[in-house]
């Protein structure tokens, strides 16, 4: 089941607060930026980097996933994921669930096993 409109707005506000705290300085955002998206249909929040394509046309950008959380309504928690080199999402074992989006962002920031930011 998808997030309702009120939930989506609430999560977007939390995500916006995280992004504003963790984005690089404005002078380097053309080379590296960090953003988040809320996907109401899949009940997920994803953090990703945006960078210029290394070997591509000028102005082309690429998104590199950092972390993802998916809300499990029946269990009232968020599942925390990281993406391996095979481009598949895996449960983040040191802290597989979070009770809130704020806790998810704290797990990503702490990054015990260097899975999110290397």
C-alpha atoms as a PDB file:
ATOM      1  CA  UNK A   1       0.000   0.000   0.000  1.00  0.00           C
ATOM      2  CA  UNK A   2       1.300   3.459  -0.920  1.00  0.00           C
ATOM      3  CA  UNK A   3       1.855   6.370   1.458  1.00  0.00           C
ATOM      4  CA  UNK A   4      -1.134   8.660   1.712  1.00  0.00           C
ATOM      5  CA  UNK A   5      -0.753  12.351   0.892  1.00  0.00           C
ATOM      6  CA  UNK A   6      -0.234  13.420   4.518  1.00  0.00           C
ATOM      7  CA  UNK A   7       2.463  10.782   5.105  1.00  0.00           C
ATOM      8  CA  UNK A   8       4.218  11.718   1.870  1.00  0.00           C
ATOM      9  CA  UNK A   9       4.346  15.413   2.824  1.00  0.00           C
ATOM     10  CA  UNK A  10       5.598  14.561   6.330  1.00  0.00           C
ATOM     11  CA  UNK A  11       8.380  12.324   4.996  1.00  0.00           C
ATOM     12  CA  UNK A  12       9.350  14.861   2.328  1.00  0.00           C
ATOM     13  CA  UNK A  13       9.797  17.481   5.069  1.00  0.00           C
ATOM     14  CA  UNK A  14      12.051  15.152   7.097  1.00  0.00           C
ATOM     15  CA  UNK A  15      14.042  14.272   3.962  1.00  0.00           C
ATOM     16  CA  UNK A  16      14.427  17.943   3.037  1.00  0.00           C
ATOM     17  CA  UNK A  17      15.884  18.641   6.496  1.00  0.00           C
ATOM     18  CA  UNK A  18      18.431  15.844   6.063  1.00  0.00           C
ATOM     19  CA  UNK A  19      19.436  17.038   2.600  1.00  0.00           C
ATOM     20  CA  UNK A  20      19.924  20.631   3.716  1.00  0.00           C
ATOM     21  CA  UNK A  21      22.236  19.509   6.539  1.00  0.00           C
ATOM     22  CA  UNK A  22      24.328  17.123   4.439  1.00  0.00           C
ATOM     23  CA  UNK A  23      24.621  18.670   0.985  1.00  0.00           C
ATOM     24  CA  UNK A  24      28.077  19.829  -0.032  1.00  0.00           C
ATOM     25  CA  UNK A  25      28.789  23.576  -0.217  1.00  0.00           C
ATOM     26  CA  UNK A  26      27.078  25.351  -3.139  1.00  0.00           C
ATOM     27  CA  UNK A  27      30.361  25.956  -4.971  1.00  0.00           C
ATOM     28  CA  UNK A  28      30.946  22.197  -5.555  1.00  0.00           C
ATOM     29  CA  UNK A  29      27.374  21.015  -6.143  1.00  0.00           C
ATOM     30  CA  UNK A  30      27.930  20.988  -9.898  1.00  0.00           C
ATOM     31  CA  UNK A  31      30.553  18.270  -9.331  1.00  0.00           C
ATOM     32  CA  UNK A  32      28.948  16.439  -6.390  1.00  0.00           C
ATOM     33  CA  UNK A  33      25.553  16.754  -4.780  1.00  0.00           C
ATOM     34  CA  UNK A  34      23.511  14.635  -2.385  1.00  0.00           C
ATOM     35  CA  UNK A  35      19.744  14.380  -2.715  1.00  0.00           C
ATOM     36  CA  UNK A  36      16.904  12.176  -1.498  1.00  0.00           C
ATOM     37  CA  UNK A  37      13.641  11.057  -3.003  1.00  0.00           C
ATOM     38  CA  UNK A  38      10.439   9.785  -1.449  1.00  0.00           C
ATOM     39  CA  UNK A  39       8.641   7.130  -3.488  1.00  0.00           C
ATOM     40  CA  UNK A  40       5.089   6.973  -2.151  1.00  0.00           C
ATOM     41  CA  UNK A  41       4.190   3.900  -4.250  1.00  0.00           C
ATOM     42  CA  UNK A  42       6.986   1.668  -2.946  1.00  0.00           C
ATOM     43  CA  UNK A  43       6.981   3.338   0.497  1.00  0.00           C
ATOM     44  CA  UNK A  44      10.692   4.044   0.191  1.00  0.00           C
ATOM     45  CA  UNK A  45      13.168   6.835   0.764  1.00  0.00           C
ATOM     46  CA  UNK A  46      16.446   6.792  -1.168  1.00  0.00           C
ATOM     47  CA  UNK A  47      19.605   8.848  -0.651  1.00  0.00           C
ATOM     48  CA  UNK A  48      21.778   9.278  -3.732  1.00  0.00           C
ATOM     49  CA  UNK A  49      24.721  11.251  -5.116  1.00  0.00           C
ATOM     50  CA  UNK A  50      24.570  13.196  -8.355  1.00  0.00           C
ATOM     51  CA  UNK A  51      27.820  13.551 -10.292  1.00  0.00           C
ATOM     52  CA  UNK A  52      28.826  14.409 -13.849  1.00  0.00           C
ATOM     53  CA  UNK A  53      29.234  11.381 -16.094  1.00  0.00           C
ATOM     54  CA  UNK A  54      32.934  10.557 -16.265  1.00  0.00           C
ATOM     55  CA  UNK A  55      33.021   9.783 -19.970  1.00  0.00           C
ATOM     56  CA  UNK A  56      30.020  11.397 -21.487  1.00  0.00           C
ATOM     57  CA  UNK A  57      28.601  14.497 -23.024  1.00  0.00           C
ATOM     58  CA  UNK A  58      29.098  17.738 -21.158  1.00  0.00           C
ATOM     59  CA  UNK A  59      26.244  18.322 -18.754  1.00  0.00           C
ATOM     60  CA  UNK A  60      25.262  14.663 -18.394  1.00  0.00           C
ATOM     61  CA  UNK A  61      24.734  13.583 -14.795  1.00  0.00           C
ATOM     62  CA  UNK A  62      24.508  10.199 -13.109  1.00  0.00           C
ATOM     63  CA  UNK A  63      22.858   9.098  -9.881  1.00  0.00           C
ATOM     64  CA  UNK A  64      24.778   6.842  -7.507  1.00  0.00           C
ATOM     65  CA  UNK A  65      22.627   5.261  -4.774  1.00  0.00           C
ATOM     66  CA  UNK A  66      23.867   5.543  -1.187  1.00  0.00           C
ATOM     67  CA  UNK A  67      21.118   4.116   1.011  1.00  0.00           C
ATOM     68  CA  UNK A  68      17.457   3.180   0.970  1.00  0.00           C
ATOM     69  CA  UNK A  69      14.779   2.669   3.606  1.00  0.00           C
ATOM     70  CA  UNK A  70      11.466   0.961   2.953  1.00  0.00           C
ATOM     71  CA  UNK A  71       8.552   1.327   5.369  1.00  0.00           C
ATOM     72  CA  UNK A  72       6.935  -1.912   6.527  1.00  0.00           C
ATOM     73  CA  UNK A  73       3.532  -0.772   7.755  1.00  0.00           C
ATOM     74  CA  UNK A  74       2.516  -4.104   9.346  1.00  0.00           C
ATOM     75  CA  UNK A  75       5.641  -4.025  11.548  1.00  0.00           C
ATOM     76  CA  UNK A  76       5.770  -0.230  11.959  1.00  0.00           C
ATOM     77  CA  UNK A  77       9.449   0.134  11.057  1.00  0.00           C
ATOM     78  CA  UNK A  78      11.787   0.998   8.196  1.00  0.00           C
ATOM     79  CA  UNK A  79      14.059  -1.628   6.635  1.00  0.00           C
ATOM     80  CA  UNK A  80      17.534  -0.244   5.946  1.00  0.00           C
ATOM     81  CA  UNK A  81      19.362  -1.204   2.733  1.00  0.00           C
ATOM     82  CA  UNK A  82      22.716  -0.576   1.062  1.00  0.00           C
ATOM     83  CA  UNK A  83      23.698  -1.271  -2.523  1.00  0.00           C
ATOM     84  CA  UNK A  84      26.571  -3.609  -3.370  1.00  0.00           C
ATOM     85  CA  UNK A  85      28.712  -3.554  -6.522  1.00  0.00           C
ATOM     86  CA  UNK A  86      26.247  -5.954  -8.207  1.00  0.00           C
ATOM     87  CA  UNK A  87      23.675  -3.092  -8.023  1.00  0.00           C
ATOM     88  CA  UNK A  88      21.316  -5.080  -5.785  1.00  0.00           C
ATOM     89  CA  UNK A  89      19.979  -3.790  -2.482  1.00  0.00           C
ATOM     90  CA  UNK A  90      20.967  -5.723   0.652  1.00  0.00           C
ATOM     91  CA  UNK A  91      19.824  -5.448   4.231  1.00  0.00           C
ATOM     92  CA  UNK A  92      22.261  -3.426   6.323  1.00  0.00           C
ATOM     93  CA  UNK A  93      23.024  -6.062   8.945  1.00  0.00           C
ATOM     94  CA  UNK A  94      24.516  -3.952  11.736  1.00  0.00           C
ATOM     95  CA  UNK A  95      21.209  -2.069  11.885  1.00  0.00           C
ATOM     96  CA  UNK A  96      18.634  -3.768   9.638  1.00  0.00           C
ATOM     97  CA  UNK A  97      15.629  -1.736  10.834  1.00  0.00           C
ATOM     98  CA  UNK A  98      14.871   1.742  12.097  1.00  0.00           C
ATOM     99  CA  UNK A  99      11.841   2.944  14.029  1.00  0.00           C
ATOM    100  CA  UNK A 100      11.754   6.306  12.230  1.00  0.00           C
ATOM    101  CA  UNK A 101      13.237   8.147   9.276  1.00  0.00           C
ATOM    102  CA  UNK A 102      15.366  10.154  11.675  1.00  0.00           C
ATOM    103  CA  UNK A 103      16.841   6.912  13.030  1.00  0.00           C
ATOM    104  CA  UNK A 104      17.490   5.732   9.458  1.00  0.00           C
ATOM    105  CA  UNK A 105      19.406   8.936   8.705  1.00  0.00           C
ATOM    106  CA  UNK A 106      21.400   8.493  11.945  1.00  0.00           C
ATOM    107  CA  UNK A 107      22.348   4.946  10.882  1.00  0.00           C
ATOM    108  CA  UNK A 108      23.493   6.214   7.483  1.00  0.00           C
ATOM    109  CA  UNK A 109      25.515   8.993   9.081  1.00  0.00           C
ATOM    110  CA  UNK A 110      27.201   6.614  11.560  1.00  0.00           C
ATOM    111  CA  UNK A 111      27.890   4.035   8.798  1.00  0.00           C
ATOM    112  CA  UNK A 112      29.486   1.415  11.085  1.00  0.00           C
ATOM    113  CA  UNK A 113      30.684  -0.823   8.226  1.00  0.00           C
ATOM    114  CA  UNK A 114      31.446   1.925   5.670  1.00  0.00           C
ATOM    115  CA  UNK A 115      28.756   0.608   3.323  1.00  0.00           C
ATOM    116  CA  UNK A 116      27.057   3.906   2.526  1.00  0.00           C
ATOM    117  CA  UNK A 117      29.824   6.429   2.010  1.00  0.00           C
ATOM    118  CA  UNK A 118      32.771   4.028   1.776  1.00  0.00           C
END
